[in-house]
Amino acid sequence: MKPSTLLKWITGACEAFLAIPIAGGAFVLGNGWAPLLFMFIFHLITLIVSIRENRFFVGSILGLVTSAIGVIPFIGWIMHTTTAIVLLIDAGVSSGTDKRAKLAK
């Protein structure tokens, strides 16, 4: 599994947690919005790794936007949910591509 694929699985799972209305919101508020800053940096790292590996990176850009506007309660929830779905689908597709490439060798 390529590093970008692993990072997409992790960022997607984190976004899915933040998308849980009460738990995600309480986690963000309880930590003084720091999780949004952490996720912004994490998405930036994933973006850089994905670009270096010539992989799909729209989910990481969406994650950067989500982290920036995640402070808006209802909009943040929609964005976290959308970003989680995009990243997890991308990670799943990338995992399948990685497996097929490995079998072709």
N, C-alpha and C. Protein backbone atom coordinates (compact mmCIF):
# COMPACT_ATOMS: atom_id res chain seq x y z
N MET A 1 0.84 -1.17 0.00
CA MET A 1 0.00 0.00 0.00
C MET A 1 0.90 1.24 0.00
N LYS A 2 0.59 2.13 -0.91
CA LYS A 2 1.38 3.37 -1.02
C LYS A 2 1.06 4.29 0.16
N PRO A 3 2.03 5.13 0.54
CA PRO A 3 1.79 6.06 1.66
C PRO A 3 0.58 6.96 1.46
N SER A 4 0.34 7.42 0.24
CA SER A 4 -0.81 8.30 0.01
C SER A 4 -2.12 7.57 0.28
N THR A 5 -2.18 6.31 -0.05
CA THR A 5 -3.39 5.52 0.19
C THR A 5 -3.63 5.37 1.69
N LEU A 6 -2.58 5.06 2.44
CA LEU A 6 -2.71 4.94 3.89
C LEU A 6 -3.15 6.26 4.51
N LEU A 7 -2.55 7.36 4.06
CA LEU A 7 -2.93 8.68 4.59
C LEU A 7 -4.38 9.01 4.27
N LYS A 8 -4.86 8.60 3.10
CA LYS A 8 -6.26 8.85 2.75
C LYS A 8 -7.20 8.05 3.64
N TRP A 9 -6.84 6.80 3.96
CA TRP A 9 -7.65 6.00 4.87
C TRP A 9 -7.74 6.69 6.24
N ILE A 10 -6.58 7.17 6.72
CA ILE A 10 -6.55 7.79 8.05
C ILE A 10 -7.31 9.11 8.07
N THR A 11 -7.04 9.98 7.08
CA THR A 11 -7.74 11.27 7.06
C THR A 11 -9.23 11.07 6.84
N GLY A 12 -9.61 10.10 6.03
CA GLY A 12 -11.02 9.80 5.82
C GLY A 12 -11.70 9.35 7.10
N ALA A 13 -11.03 8.49 7.86
CA ALA A 13 -11.58 8.03 9.14
C ALA A 13 -11.70 9.18 10.14
N CYS A 14 -10.70 10.04 10.18
CA CYS A 14 -10.75 11.21 11.08
C CYS A 14 -11.89 12.14 10.69
N GLU A 15 -12.06 12.36 9.41
CA GLU A 15 -13.16 13.21 8.94
C GLU A 15 -14.51 12.57 9.28
N ALA A 16 -14.60 11.26 9.15
CA ALA A 16 -15.85 10.56 9.49
C ALA A 16 -16.17 10.75 10.97
N PHE A 17 -15.15 10.69 11.83
CA PHE A 17 -15.38 10.93 13.26
C PHE A 17 -15.87 12.36 13.49
N LEU A 18 -15.22 13.32 12.84
CA LEU A 18 -15.62 14.71 13.02
C LEU A 18 -17.01 14.99 12.46
N ALA A 19 -17.49 14.13 11.57
CA ALA A 19 -18.83 14.29 10.98
C ALA A 19 -19.94 13.81 11.90
N ILE A 20 -19.59 13.11 12.97
CA ILE A 20 -20.62 12.65 13.91
C ILE A 20 -21.12 13.89 14.65
N PRO A 21 -22.41 14.24 14.48
CA PRO A 21 -22.90 15.54 14.96
C PRO A 21 -22.53 15.91 16.40
N ILE A 22 -22.84 15.12 17.37
CA ILE A 22 -22.58 15.53 18.76
C ILE A 22 -21.14 15.21 19.16
N ALA A 23 -20.67 14.01 18.86
CA ALA A 23 -19.32 13.61 19.27
C ALA A 23 -18.25 14.44 18.57
N GLY A 24 -18.37 14.60 17.26
CA GLY A 24 -17.38 15.38 16.51
C GLY A 24 -17.37 16.84 16.94
N GLY A 25 -18.55 17.40 17.08
CA GLY A 25 -18.65 18.79 17.51
C GLY A 25 -18.11 19.00 18.91
N ALA A 26 -18.42 18.09 19.82
CA ALA A 26 -17.92 18.19 21.19
C ALA A 26 -16.40 18.05 21.23
N PHE A 27 -15.86 17.16 20.40
CA PHE A 27 -14.41 16.97 20.34
C PHE A 27 -13.73 18.25 19.86
N VAL A 28 -14.26 18.85 18.81
CA VAL A 28 -13.68 20.09 18.28
C VAL A 28 -13.79 21.22 19.30
N LEU A 29 -14.97 21.41 19.86
CA LEU A 29 -15.17 22.49 20.84
C LEU A 29 -14.37 22.25 22.11
N GLY A 30 -14.35 21.00 22.56
CA GLY A 30 -13.63 20.66 23.79
C GLY A 30 -12.13 20.86 23.70
N ASN A 31 -11.61 20.82 22.50
CA ASN A 31 -10.17 21.01 22.29
C ASN A 31 -9.85 22.37 21.69
N GLY A 32 -10.77 23.30 21.81
CA GLY A 32 -10.52 24.67 21.37
C GLY A 32 -10.21 24.81 19.89
N TRP A 33 -10.92 24.08 19.04
CA TRP A 33 -10.78 24.14 17.59
C TRP A 33 -9.44 23.58 17.07
N ALA A 34 -8.59 23.08 17.97
CA ALA A 34 -7.29 22.53 17.56
C ALA A 34 -7.41 21.35 16.58
N PRO A 35 -8.44 20.49 16.71
CA PRO A 35 -8.56 19.40 15.74
C PRO A 35 -8.70 19.89 14.29
N LEU A 36 -9.31 21.05 14.09
CA LEU A 36 -9.43 21.58 12.73
C LEU A 36 -8.07 22.02 12.19
N LEU A 37 -7.25 22.61 13.04
CA LEU A 37 -5.89 22.98 12.63
C LEU A 37 -5.07 21.73 12.35
N PHE A 38 -5.18 20.73 13.22
CA PHE A 38 -4.47 19.47 13.01
C PHE A 38 -4.88 18.84 11.68
N MET A 39 -6.18 18.80 11.41
CA MET A 39 -6.66 18.18 10.17
C MET A 39 -6.22 18.98 8.95
N PHE A 40 -6.16 20.30 9.06
CA PHE A 40 -5.67 21.11 7.95
C PHE A 40 -4.24 20.70 7.61
N ILE A 41 -3.39 20.58 8.62
CA ILE A 41 -1.98 20.19 8.40
C ILE A 41 -1.91 18.76 7.86
N PHE A 42 -2.73 17.87 8.41
CA PHE A 42 -2.75 16.47 7.98
C PHE A 42 -3.19 16.35 6.51
N HIS A 43 -4.20 17.13 6.13
CA HIS A 43 -4.65 17.13 4.73
C HIS A 43 -3.56 17.71 3.81
N LEU A 44 -2.85 18.71 4.28
CA LEU A 44 -1.76 19.30 3.50
C LEU A 44 -0.66 18.27 3.26
N ILE A 45 -0.31 17.52 4.28
CA ILE A 45 0.71 16.46 4.14
C ILE A 45 0.22 15.40 3.15
N THR A 46 -1.04 15.00 3.29
CA THR A 46 -1.61 14.00 2.37
C THR A 46 -1.61 14.52 0.94
N LEU A 47 -1.93 15.79 0.77
CA LEU A 47 -1.91 16.41 -0.56
C LEU A 47 -0.53 16.35 -1.18
N ILE A 48 0.48 16.72 -0.43
CA ILE A 48 1.86 16.73 -0.94
C ILE A 48 2.30 15.32 -1.32
N VAL A 49 2.01 14.34 -0.45
CA VAL A 49 2.39 12.95 -0.74
C VAL A 49 1.64 12.44 -1.97
N SER A 50 0.37 12.77 -2.08
CA SER A 50 -0.43 12.32 -3.24
C SER A 50 0.10 12.92 -4.54
N ILE A 51 0.46 14.19 -4.51
CA ILE A 51 1.01 14.82 -5.72
C ILE A 51 2.33 14.18 -6.10
N ARG A 52 3.18 13.91 -5.12
CA ARG A 52 4.48 13.27 -5.41
C ARG A 52 4.32 11.88 -6.00
N GLU A 53 3.23 11.18 -5.62
CA GLU A 53 2.98 9.83 -6.14
C GLU A 53 2.07 9.84 -7.36
N ASN A 54 1.78 11.03 -7.88
CA ASN A 54 0.87 11.17 -9.03
C ASN A 54 -0.46 10.49 -8.80
N ARG A 55 -1.03 10.74 -7.64
CA ARG A 55 -2.32 10.15 -7.27
C ARG A 55 -3.40 11.21 -7.23
N PHE A 56 -4.63 10.77 -7.20
CA PHE A 56 -5.79 11.64 -7.08
C PHE A 56 -5.69 12.41 -5.77
N PHE A 57 -5.94 13.73 -5.80
CA PHE A 57 -5.75 14.52 -4.59
C PHE A 57 -6.89 15.49 -4.29
N VAL A 58 -7.99 15.37 -4.99
CA VAL A 58 -9.12 16.29 -4.77
C VAL A 58 -9.65 16.15 -3.33
N GLY A 59 -9.66 14.96 -2.78
CA GLY A 59 -10.13 14.76 -1.40
C GLY A 59 -9.32 15.55 -0.40
N SER A 60 -8.02 15.65 -0.64
CA SER A 60 -7.16 16.42 0.28
C SER A 60 -7.44 17.91 0.17
N ILE A 61 -7.68 18.38 -1.04
CA ILE A 61 -8.03 19.80 -1.22
C ILE A 61 -9.37 20.08 -0.55
N LEU A 62 -10.33 19.18 -0.74
CA LEU A 62 -11.62 19.31 -0.09
C LEU A 62 -11.45 19.32 1.43
N GLY A 63 -10.53 18.50 1.94
CA GLY A 63 -10.25 18.46 3.37
C GLY A 63 -9.67 19.77 3.88
N LEU A 64 -8.82 20.41 3.08
CA LEU A 64 -8.27 21.71 3.47
C LEU A 64 -9.39 22.75 3.59
N VAL A 65 -10.29 22.74 2.61
CA VAL A 65 -11.43 23.67 2.64
C VAL A 65 -12.32 23.36 3.85
N THR A 66 -12.57 22.09 4.08
CA THR A 66 -13.41 21.67 5.21
C THR A 66 -12.82 22.12 6.54
N SER A 67 -11.51 21.98 6.69
CA SER A 67 -10.86 22.40 7.93
C SER A 67 -10.96 23.90 8.13
N ALA A 68 -10.96 24.63 7.04
CA ALA A 68 -11.04 26.09 7.13
C ALA A 68 -12.45 26.57 7.48
N ILE A 69 -13.48 25.90 6.95
CA ILE A 69 -14.85 26.35 7.22
C ILE A 69 -15.59 25.44 8.20
N GLY A 70 -14.87 24.52 8.82
CA GLY A 70 -15.49 23.58 9.76
C GLY A 70 -16.01 24.23 11.02
N VAL A 71 -15.69 25.50 11.23
CA VAL A 71 -16.17 26.21 12.42
C VAL A 71 -17.65 26.57 12.32
N ILE A 72 -18.19 26.50 11.13
CA ILE A 72 -19.60 26.81 10.93
C ILE A 72 -20.39 25.52 11.18
N PRO A 73 -21.20 25.47 12.25
CA PRO A 73 -21.80 24.21 12.70
C PRO A 73 -22.45 23.35 11.62
N PHE A 74 -23.51 23.75 10.97
CA PHE A 74 -24.19 22.86 10.03
C PHE A 74 -23.38 22.65 8.76
N ILE A 75 -22.77 23.72 8.26
CA ILE A 75 -21.93 23.62 7.06
C ILE A 75 -20.73 22.71 7.34
N GLY A 76 -20.14 22.84 8.52
CA GLY A 76 -19.00 21.99 8.90
C GLY A 76 -19.39 20.52 8.89
N TRP A 77 -20.56 20.20 9.42
CA TRP A 77 -21.01 18.81 9.43
C TRP A 77 -21.15 18.26 8.02
N ILE A 78 -21.78 19.03 7.14
CA ILE A 78 -21.94 18.60 5.74
C ILE A 78 -20.57 18.42 5.08
N MET A 79 -19.68 19.36 5.31
CA MET A 79 -18.35 19.29 4.69
C MET A 79 -17.54 18.11 5.23
N HIS A 80 -17.59 17.86 6.54
CA HIS A 80 -16.86 16.71 7.11
C HIS A 80 -17.40 15.40 6.54
N THR A 81 -18.72 15.32 6.41
CA THR A 81 -19.33 14.11 5.86
C THR A 81 -18.92 13.90 4.41
N THR A 82 -19.00 14.95 3.61
CA THR A 82 -18.64 14.87 2.20
C THR A 82 -17.17 14.53 2.02
N THR A 83 -16.31 15.18 2.80
CA THR A 83 -14.87 14.93 2.70
C THR A 83 -14.55 13.49 3.09
N ALA A 84 -15.18 13.00 4.16
CA ALA A 84 -14.94 11.61 4.59
C ALA A 84 -15.32 10.64 3.48
N ILE A 85 -16.46 10.84 2.86
CA ILE A 85 -16.91 9.95 1.79
C ILE A 85 -15.94 9.99 0.61
N VAL A 86 -15.54 11.18 0.18
CA VAL A 86 -14.61 11.31 -0.95
C VAL A 86 -13.28 10.64 -0.64
N LEU A 87 -12.73 10.89 0.55
CA LEU A 87 -11.43 10.31 0.90
C LEU A 87 -11.50 8.79 1.03
N LEU A 88 -12.54 8.27 1.65
CA LEU A 88 -12.64 6.82 1.83
C LEU A 88 -12.88 6.10 0.51
N ILE A 89 -13.65 6.69 -0.37
CA ILE A 89 -13.83 6.09 -1.71
C ILE A 89 -12.51 6.12 -2.46
N ASP A 90 -11.81 7.26 -2.41
CA ASP A 90 -10.51 7.36 -3.08
C ASP A 90 -9.52 6.36 -2.52
N ALA A 91 -9.50 6.20 -1.20
CA ALA A 91 -8.58 5.24 -0.59
C ALA A 91 -8.92 3.81 -1.03
N GLY A 92 -10.21 3.50 -1.11
CA GLY A 92 -10.62 2.17 -1.55
C GLY A 92 -10.23 1.91 -2.99
N VAL A 93 -10.43 2.88 -3.85
CA VAL A 93 -10.04 2.74 -5.26
C VAL A 93 -8.53 2.62 -5.37
N SER A 94 -7.80 3.42 -4.59
CA SER A 94 -6.34 3.37 -4.62
C SER A 94 -5.83 2.03 -4.12
N SER A 95 -6.48 1.46 -3.10
CA SER A 95 -6.08 0.16 -2.58
C SER A 95 -6.23 -0.91 -3.66
N GLY A 96 -7.34 -0.85 -4.39
CA GLY A 96 -7.55 -1.81 -5.48
C GLY A 96 -6.52 -1.65 -6.58
N THR A 97 -6.19 -0.41 -6.90
CA THR A 97 -5.17 -0.13 -7.92
C THR A 97 -3.81 -0.64 -7.47
N ASP A 98 -3.48 -0.43 -6.19
CA ASP A 98 -2.21 -0.90 -5.64
C ASP A 98 -2.12 -2.42 -5.72
N LYS A 99 -3.22 -3.12 -5.40
CA LYS A 99 -3.22 -4.58 -5.45
C LYS A 99 -3.06 -5.10 -6.87
N ARG A 100 -3.77 -4.46 -7.82
CA ARG A 100 -3.65 -4.91 -9.21
C ARG A 100 -2.25 -4.66 -9.76
N ALA A 101 -1.64 -3.54 -9.38
CA ALA A 101 -0.29 -3.24 -9.83
C ALA A 101 0.71 -4.24 -9.25
N LYS A 102 0.48 -4.64 -8.01
CA LYS A 102 1.38 -5.59 -7.36
C LYS A 102 1.27 -6.97 -8.02
N LEU A 103 0.04 -7.37 -8.38
CA LEU A 103 -0.16 -8.66 -9.03
C LEU A 103 0.41 -8.69 -10.45
N ALA A 104 0.45 -7.54 -11.09
CA ALA A 104 0.95 -7.45 -12.47
C ALA A 104 2.47 -7.58 -12.55
N LYS A 105 3.14 -7.36 -11.42
CA LYS A 105 4.60 -7.43 -11.42
C LYS A 105 5.13 -8.81 -11.54
